[in-house]
Amino acid sequence: MKKFRRVALLALAIASLLCVGCKSTKVEDKPGQGTESTTDGSGRNGSGTDKNSGTDGNGKNLSGSSTGKDGKNGGNGSGKDGSGAEDIGSLLSKVKNSRQNAIDAGADDALSKAFKAAEAEYERLRKLAEQGDDSAALAERLKNLNDFYEGLSAFADAKKKKERIDQNGYAGHSRKAYDHGSSLLDELSDIDDFAARLEADAAAFEAGGKAATSGSGTEFLKKARQADQDFAAVFKAAANNERSEALKAKKQADGVKASVSRKSDYDNGVNTFRTGDNNYVTGSIEDSILNYIDAKEMFAKLYSEISKLRAAAEKHIEAAKKRVSRSDANAGEADRTDPLTEKIVGIEDPDAKLLEDDDFSEAENSFVELDEELSVGGN
């Protein structure tokens, strides 16, 4: 009987321990987690923050990164939405900047018909964007319009360059580039109906295609930039040619020792030439042309004036030589007919040294060497 009672008490104690062990226990926080893990009715593991990740009932990993209502990723600062399309707001802002640049460049005067067509398209697209249109077609139309505005700026700049080239007579320095740029300006100016072409481009975009007309913004930009580059090449050619001419004029001035007889004027020419080099390599091509022309004229003037003085001096020297020759002849005749028998004060011996030797070091040290070739950095 006592043995049975001890067995019963032991069984009761074991049962009590089992009941205590059946109670729910607190889940320990894992290192690095900020909240406790919970489960929903489906057994999926959720997370209290968007940094933690858990697993669903099938063992799949669930990321805590934030998403939009439609499951697309939120903004990432790259200017694109979750679908990969470029953000309409960013594109519209870009168009506004390009539009203002075109106005500042004088595009409304340089090509008024095209500018008005661009303005009409701008108003259409701006209203669509304000209404919430975020389609890929609108994005493409905005890109096309942005290129068009940039092209109008390039056209206005190219037209101004051509006018300055014509005014200064620089076209001959690079006739090929000048003619090509001029033909592009004529082509872009002769596009009659910019509005119709932009409408055609818009229809192509809406249909999911790409604009392909010669009046499209991208094509217009390409040709306008090429024209601008052609006229820039004319200015560069003019600068290089005028620099070469200035160097030739300097060599002539060096030949008549201008650095000695007219040092101040010579140094002015050298400094003007170097200013031209500095303007060229820093991109001020048109200013460099004027500097080289000025330097060329300075050196040419020195050469001309010094040469004239030298010619006049040589003429006098020749006349003096003739007089000396006649005097020598007369003296020789006098020596034969009435020779001197004693030394006379004021008449030197034939081998007497009257002047000190000149090493001409001053002339050599005054010469300035200029680079024949110029390292080009300007546009």
Protein backbone atom coordinates (compact mmCIF):
# COMPACT_ATOMS: atom_id res chain seq x y z
CA MET A 1 0.00 0.00 0.00
CA LYS A 2 2.78 2.45 0.92
CA LYS A 3 4.56 1.52 -2.28
CA PHE A 4 1.45 2.34 -4.34
CA ARG A 5 1.12 5.75 -2.62
CA ARG A 6 4.74 6.67 -3.47
CA VAL A 7 4.21 5.75 -7.12
CA ALA A 8 1.04 7.89 -7.24
CA LEU A 9 2.81 10.90 -5.72
CA LEU A 10 5.69 10.53 -8.19
CA ALA A 11 3.26 10.40 -11.13
CA LEU A 12 1.47 13.51 -9.82
CA ALA A 13 4.78 15.43 -9.61
CA ILE A 14 5.73 14.46 -13.16
CA ALA A 15 2.32 15.58 -14.43
CA SER A 16 2.74 18.97 -12.71
CA LEU A 17 6.11 19.49 -14.36
CA LEU A 18 4.68 18.62 -17.76
CA CYS A 19 1.85 21.15 -17.30
CA VAL A 20 4.34 23.91 -16.48
CA GLY A 21 6.39 23.04 -19.59
CA CYS A 22 3.28 23.25 -21.78
CA LYS A 23 2.79 26.98 -21.03
CA SER A 24 3.76 29.38 -23.87
CA THR A 25 7.26 30.80 -23.60
CA LYS A 26 8.57 34.21 -24.69
CA VAL A 27 10.41 34.24 -28.01
CA GLU A 28 13.91 35.60 -27.54
CA ASP A 29 14.92 38.65 -29.54
CA LYS A 30 17.57 37.90 -32.08
CA PRO A 31 20.60 40.17 -32.18
CA GLY A 32 20.08 43.06 -34.58
CA GLN A 33 16.27 42.93 -34.55
CA GLY A 34 14.42 45.92 -33.12
CA THR A 35 11.06 44.25 -32.51
CA GLU A 36 9.51 40.87 -31.63
CA SER A 37 8.49 38.53 -34.40
CA THR A 38 4.80 37.74 -34.73
CA THR A 39 2.72 35.50 -36.93
CA ASP A 40 -0.57 36.05 -38.71
CA GLY A 41 -3.33 33.57 -39.21
CA SER A 42 -1.70 32.07 -42.28
CA GLY A 43 1.51 31.35 -40.44
CA ARG A 44 3.50 34.04 -42.32
CA ASN A 45 6.14 35.73 -40.29
CA GLY A 46 5.83 39.56 -40.26
CA SER A 47 8.30 42.22 -39.23
CA GLY A 48 7.82 45.27 -37.05
CA THR A 49 10.13 47.41 -39.17
CA ASP A 50 10.97 47.74 -42.85
CA LYS A 51 14.59 46.69 -42.18
CA ASN A 52 13.91 43.14 -40.92
CA SER A 53 13.09 40.16 -43.04
CA GLY A 54 11.29 37.00 -42.13
CA THR A 55 9.96 33.86 -43.78
CA ASP A 56 6.49 32.76 -44.76
CA GLY A 57 5.00 29.42 -43.99
CA ASN A 58 6.72 27.90 -46.99
CA GLY A 59 10.15 29.10 -45.88
CA LYS A 60 10.32 31.90 -48.48
CA ASN A 61 12.13 35.05 -47.46
CA LEU A 62 10.01 38.20 -47.06
CA SER A 63 11.82 41.53 -47.50
CA GLY A 64 10.86 44.47 -45.35
CA SER A 65 11.72 47.11 -48.01
CA SER A 66 8.99 49.65 -48.57
CA THR A 67 6.81 49.34 -51.65
CA GLY A 68 4.03 51.34 -53.24
CA LYS A 69 0.41 50.33 -53.28
CA ASP A 70 0.80 48.55 -56.59
CA GLY A 71 3.85 46.65 -55.37
CA LYS A 72 6.32 48.77 -57.37
CA ASN A 73 9.41 50.07 -55.73
CA GLY A 74 9.24 53.57 -54.33
CA GLY A 75 11.27 56.49 -55.62
CA ASN A 76 14.99 55.89 -55.63
CA GLY A 77 16.19 59.36 -56.58
CA SER A 78 17.24 58.30 -60.07
CA GLY A 79 14.48 60.20 -61.89
CA LYS A 80 12.67 57.01 -62.86
CA ASP A 81 9.57 55.38 -61.42
CA GLY A 82 9.22 51.71 -60.52
CA SER A 83 8.37 50.71 -64.09
CA GLY A 84 11.66 52.11 -65.40
CA ALA A 85 10.06 55.03 -67.24
CA GLU A 86 11.73 58.39 -66.77
CA ASP A 87 9.98 60.67 -64.30
CA ILE A 88 7.68 63.13 -66.06
CA GLY A 89 8.34 65.88 -63.52
CA SER A 90 12.10 65.67 -64.08
CA LEU A 91 11.67 65.70 -67.84
CA LEU A 92 9.36 68.70 -67.72
CA SER A 93 11.87 70.58 -65.56
CA LYS A 94 14.60 69.77 -68.07
CA VAL A 95 12.44 71.07 -70.92
CA LYS A 96 11.81 74.32 -69.03
CA ASN A 97 15.56 74.90 -68.63
CA SER A 98 16.25 74.18 -72.30
CA ARG A 99 13.38 76.45 -73.30
CA GLN A 100 14.83 79.33 -71.26
CA ASN A 101 18.28 78.73 -72.77
CA ALA A 102 16.75 78.93 -76.24
CA ILE A 103 15.09 82.23 -75.36
CA ASP A 104 18.35 83.59 -73.94
CA ALA A 105 20.16 82.57 -77.14
CA GLY A 106 17.67 84.53 -79.23
CA ALA A 107 16.03 81.52 -80.87
CA ASP A 108 12.67 83.29 -81.01
CA ASP A 109 14.25 85.81 -83.42
CA ALA A 110 16.66 83.48 -85.21
CA LEU A 111 13.95 81.00 -86.23
CA SER A 112 10.60 82.39 -85.13
CA LYS A 113 8.36 79.87 -86.94
CA ALA A 114 10.10 76.88 -85.38
CA PHE A 115 10.13 78.52 -81.96
CA LYS A 116 6.38 79.14 -82.10
CA ALA A 117 5.79 75.48 -83.01
CA ALA A 118 7.92 74.40 -80.05
CA GLU A 119 5.98 76.73 -77.75
CA ALA A 120 2.66 75.21 -78.85
CA GLU A 121 3.97 71.70 -78.19
CA TYR A 122 5.31 72.83 -74.81
CA GLU A 123 1.87 74.07 -73.73
CA ARG A 124 0.24 70.80 -74.81
CA LEU A 125 2.72 68.64 -72.93
CA ARG A 126 2.69 70.84 -69.84
CA LYS A 127 -1.09 70.50 -69.56
CA LEU A 128 -0.92 66.72 -70.00
CA ALA A 129 1.66 66.50 -67.23
CA GLU A 130 -0.46 68.66 -64.92
CA GLN A 131 -3.40 66.32 -65.56
CA GLY A 132 -1.34 63.41 -64.24
CA ASP A 133 -0.34 61.78 -67.52
CA ASP A 134 2.74 59.69 -66.82
CA SER A 135 2.75 57.59 -69.98
CA ALA A 136 5.86 56.54 -71.85
CA ALA A 137 4.52 58.38 -74.91
CA LEU A 138 4.48 61.67 -72.99
CA ALA A 139 8.01 61.01 -71.77
CA GLU A 140 9.21 60.50 -75.36
CA ARG A 141 7.47 63.66 -76.54
CA LEU A 142 9.11 65.64 -73.74
CA LYS A 143 12.54 64.28 -74.70
CA ASN A 144 11.91 65.18 -78.33
CA LEU A 145 10.82 68.70 -77.37
CA ASN A 146 13.85 69.13 -75.13
CA ASP A 147 16.12 68.23 -78.05
CA PHE A 148 14.20 70.69 -80.22
CA TYR A 149 14.77 73.54 -77.77
CA GLU A 150 18.47 72.65 -77.49
CA GLY A 151 18.61 72.57 -81.28
CA LEU A 152 17.07 76.03 -81.47
CA SER A 153 19.78 77.32 -79.11
CA ALA A 154 22.49 75.73 -81.27
CA PHE A 155 20.89 77.19 -84.41
CA ALA A 156 20.87 80.70 -82.92
CA ASP A 157 24.53 80.37 -81.85
CA ALA A 158 25.55 79.07 -85.27
CA LYS A 159 23.75 81.90 -87.03
CA LYS A 160 25.56 84.48 -84.89
CA LYS A 161 28.93 82.85 -85.61
CA LYS A 162 28.24 82.96 -89.34
CA GLU A 163 27.36 86.66 -89.14
CA ARG A 164 30.64 87.45 -87.37
CA ILE A 165 32.59 85.40 -89.89
CA ASP A 166 30.96 87.31 -92.74
CA GLN A 167 31.61 90.67 -91.08
CA ASN A 168 35.32 89.93 -90.59
CA GLY A 169 35.91 88.10 -93.86
CA TYR A 170 37.10 84.89 -92.22
CA ALA A 171 35.27 82.44 -94.50
CA GLY A 172 38.31 81.92 -96.71
CA HIS A 173 40.29 80.44 -93.83
CA SER A 174 38.20 77.24 -94.06
CA ARG A 175 35.85 77.45 -97.02
CA LYS A 176 34.77 73.80 -96.76
CA ALA A 177 33.59 74.11 -93.14
CA TYR A 178 31.94 77.46 -93.85
CA ASP A 179 30.00 76.12 -96.85
CA HIS A 180 28.87 73.01 -94.97
CA GLY A 181 27.64 74.99 -91.98
CA SER A 182 25.85 77.44 -94.25
CA SER A 183 24.04 74.63 -96.09
CA LEU A 184 22.84 73.16 -92.79
CA LEU A 185 21.47 76.53 -91.66
CA ASP A 186 19.67 76.89 -94.98
CA GLU A 187 18.21 73.40 -94.67
CA LEU A 188 16.90 73.99 -91.15
CA SER A 189 15.54 77.41 -92.08
CA ASP A 190 13.61 75.98 -95.04
CA ILE A 191 11.55 73.46 -93.05
CA ASP A 192 8.15 74.99 -93.74
CA ASP A 193 5.75 73.52 -91.22
CA PHE A 194 7.45 72.78 -87.93
CA ALA A 195 4.07 72.48 -86.20
CA ALA A 196 2.90 69.74 -88.56
CA ARG A 197 6.14 67.83 -88.13
CA LEU A 198 5.90 67.99 -84.34
CA GLU A 199 2.32 66.75 -84.60
CA ALA A 200 3.51 63.85 -86.75
CA ASP A 201 6.19 63.03 -84.21
CA ALA A 202 3.61 63.14 -81.41
CA ALA A 203 1.37 60.71 -83.31
CA ALA A 204 4.30 58.34 -83.80
CA PHE A 205 5.09 58.41 -80.10
CA GLU A 206 1.46 57.78 -79.16
CA ALA A 207 1.48 54.76 -81.46
CA GLY A 208 4.51 53.41 -79.63
CA GLY A 209 7.01 54.29 -82.34
CA LYS A 210 9.85 56.75 -82.74
CA ALA A 211 9.81 60.10 -84.52
CA ALA A 212 11.63 59.92 -87.84
CA THR A 213 10.77 63.17 -89.63
CA SER A 214 13.45 65.69 -90.52
CA GLY A 215 11.69 68.13 -88.24
CA SER A 216 11.99 65.96 -85.15
CA GLY A 217 13.74 67.49 -82.17
CA THR A 218 16.59 64.98 -82.11
CA GLU A 219 17.34 65.34 -85.82
CA PHE A 220 17.09 69.12 -85.63
CA LEU A 221 19.52 69.21 -82.69
CA LYS A 222 22.05 67.03 -84.51
CA LYS A 223 22.15 69.26 -87.60
CA ALA A 224 22.13 72.54 -85.66
CA ARG A 225 25.06 71.41 -83.51
CA GLN A 226 27.00 70.37 -86.60
CA ALA A 227 26.47 73.80 -88.16
CA ASP A 228 27.69 75.46 -84.97
CA GLN A 229 30.78 73.23 -84.95
CA ASP A 230 31.49 74.05 -88.61
CA PHE A 231 31.57 77.78 -87.95
CA ALA A 232 33.67 77.24 -84.81
CA ALA A 233 36.15 75.39 -87.06
CA VAL A 234 36.33 78.45 -89.33
CA PHE A 235 37.34 80.62 -86.37
CA LYS A 236 40.00 78.09 -85.33
CA ALA A 237 41.42 78.01 -88.85
CA ALA A 238 41.52 81.82 -88.90
CA ALA A 239 43.36 81.88 -85.58
CA ASN A 240 45.96 79.34 -86.74
CA ASN A 241 46.54 81.14 -90.03
CA GLU A 242 46.88 84.56 -88.42
CA ARG A 243 49.26 83.10 -85.84
CA SER A 244 51.48 81.76 -88.61
CA GLU A 245 51.48 85.15 -90.32
CA ALA A 246 52.42 86.85 -87.04
CA LEU A 247 55.37 84.47 -86.62
CA LYS A 248 56.58 85.27 -90.14
CA ALA A 249 56.38 88.99 -89.42
CA LYS A 250 58.32 88.49 -86.17
CA LYS A 251 61.11 86.64 -87.98
CA GLN A 252 61.42 89.55 -90.39
CA ALA A 253 61.62 91.96 -87.45
CA ASP A 254 64.28 89.76 -85.87
CA GLY A 255 66.23 89.92 -89.13
CA VAL A 256 66.63 93.68 -88.81
CA LYS A 257 67.48 93.48 -85.09
CA ALA A 258 64.23 95.14 -83.99
CA SER A 259 64.72 93.74 -80.49
CA VAL A 260 67.73 96.05 -80.15
CA SER A 261 66.87 99.25 -81.98
CA ARG A 262 63.16 99.25 -81.05
CA LYS A 263 63.07 97.05 -77.95
CA SER A 264 59.93 98.55 -76.38
CA ASP A 265 57.85 98.20 -79.55
CA TYR A 266 59.27 94.73 -80.14
CA ASP A 267 58.32 93.59 -76.62
CA ASN A 268 54.78 94.91 -77.13
CA GLY A 269 54.46 92.71 -80.20
CA VAL A 270 55.75 89.66 -78.31
CA ASN A 271 53.36 90.23 -75.40
CA THR A 272 50.41 90.69 -77.74
CA PHE A 273 51.30 87.44 -79.49
CA ARG A 274 51.48 85.60 -76.18
CA THR A 275 48.11 87.03 -75.16
CA GLY A 276 46.73 85.48 -78.33
CA ASP A 277 48.16 82.10 -77.35
CA ASN A 278 46.61 82.36 -73.92
CA ASN A 279 43.21 83.27 -75.36
CA TYR A 280 43.41 80.42 -77.84
CA VAL A 281 44.16 77.67 -75.32
CA THR A 282 41.47 78.93 -72.93
CA GLY A 283 38.78 78.87 -75.61
CA SER A 284 38.59 82.57 -76.53
CA ILE A 285 39.32 81.81 -80.16
CA GLU A 286 37.86 84.96 -81.65
CA ASP A 287 39.86 87.17 -79.28
CA SER A 288 43.04 85.29 -80.18
CA ILE A 289 42.52 86.10 -83.87
CA LEU A 290 42.53 89.82 -83.10
CA ASN A 291 45.64 89.44 -80.91
CA TYR A 292 47.55 87.66 -83.67
CA ILE A 293 46.52 90.26 -86.24
CA ASP A 294 47.69 93.06 -83.93
CA ALA A 295 51.01 91.31 -83.27
CA LYS A 296 51.52 90.72 -86.99
CA GLU A 297 50.95 94.40 -87.73
CA MET A 298 53.32 95.47 -84.94
CA PHE A 299 56.16 93.28 -86.23
CA ALA A 300 55.48 94.25 -89.84
CA LYS A 301 55.63 97.94 -88.93
CA LEU A 302 58.94 97.46 -87.12
CA TYR A 303 60.41 95.63 -90.08
CA SER A 304 59.22 98.28 -92.53
CA GLU A 305 60.42 101.28 -90.55
CA ILE A 306 63.79 99.78 -89.60
CA SER A 307 64.35 98.57 -93.16
CA LYS A 308 63.73 102.07 -94.52
CA LEU A 309 66.16 103.57 -92.02
CA ARG A 310 68.72 100.93 -92.90
CA ALA A 311 68.31 101.60 -96.60
CA ALA A 312 68.80 105.33 -96.04
CA ALA A 313 71.85 104.67 -93.86
CA GLU A 314 73.36 102.32 -96.42
CA LYS A 315 72.84 104.97 -99.10
CA HIS A 316 74.76 107.48 -97.02
CA ILE A 317 77.47 104.92 -96.34
CA GLU A 318 77.89 104.23 -100.05
CA ALA A 319 78.13 107.95 -100.75
CA ALA A 320 80.70 108.29 -97.98
CA LYS A 321 82.69 105.37 -99.37
CA LYS A 322 82.79 107.05 -102.76
CA ARG A 323 84.01 110.27 -101.17
CA VAL A 324 86.64 108.36 -99.22
CA SER A 325 87.69 106.59 -102.38
CA ARG A 326 88.10 109.90 -104.16
CA SER A 327 89.99 111.27 -101.16
CA ASP A 328 92.29 108.26 -101.17
CA ALA A 329 92.98 108.79 -104.82
CA ASN A 330 93.73 112.45 -104.23
CA ALA A 331 95.91 111.62 -101.24
CA GLY A 332 97.83 109.08 -103.26
CA GLU A 333 98.43 111.60 -105.96
CA ALA A 334 99.57 114.14 -103.34
CA ASP A 335 101.93 111.60 -101.80
CA ARG A 336 103.54 111.10 -105.16
CA THR A 337 103.79 114.76 -106.04
CA ASP A 338 104.37 116.26 -102.59
CA PRO A 339 105.05 113.57 -99.94
CA LEU A 340 105.04 114.33 -96.20
CA THR A 341 108.40 113.98 -94.57
CA GLU A 342 107.38 114.36 -90.90
CA LYS A 343 104.49 113.31 -88.56
CA ILE A 344 101.58 115.76 -88.42
CA VAL A 345 99.38 116.16 -85.31
CA GLY A 346 95.78 114.93 -85.91
CA ILE A 347 96.65 112.28 -88.48
CA GLU A 348 96.79 108.72 -87.08
CA ASP A 349 99.01 105.95 -88.23
CA PRO A 350 97.42 103.63 -90.82
CA ASP A 351 97.32 100.67 -88.38
CA ALA A 352 96.08 102.65 -85.33
CA LYS A 353 93.05 101.13 -83.38
CA LEU A 354 90.46 103.85 -83.04
CA LEU A 355 87.43 101.91 -81.55
CA GLU A 356 86.99 99.13 -78.98
CA ASP A 357 85.65 95.79 -80.24
CA ASP A 358 81.89 95.17 -79.76
CA ASP A 359 80.77 91.62 -78.88
CA PHE A 360 77.11 92.34 -79.77
CA SER A 361 75.93 90.55 -76.60
CA GLU A 362 73.15 93.08 -76.12
CA ALA A 363 71.61 92.21 -79.48
CA GLU A 364 71.74 88.47 -78.82
CA ASN A 365 70.20 88.75 -75.34
CA SER A 366 67.30 90.92 -76.54
CA PHE A 367 65.95 88.32 -78.97
CA VAL A 368 62.74 86.52 -77.85
CA GLU A 369 61.97 82.99 -79.00
CA LEU A 370 58.30 82.09 -79.58
CA ASP A 371 56.84 78.60 -79.98
CA GLU A 372 56.26 77.62 -83.59
CA GLU A 373 53.46 75.20 -82.67
CA LEU A 374 50.59 75.89 -80.30
CA SER A 375 49.06 73.27 -78.01
CA VAL A 376 45.38 73.63 -78.77
CA GLY A 377 42.79 73.56 -75.95
CA GLY A 378 40.12 75.95 -77.21
CA ASN A 379 36.74 75.09 -78.76
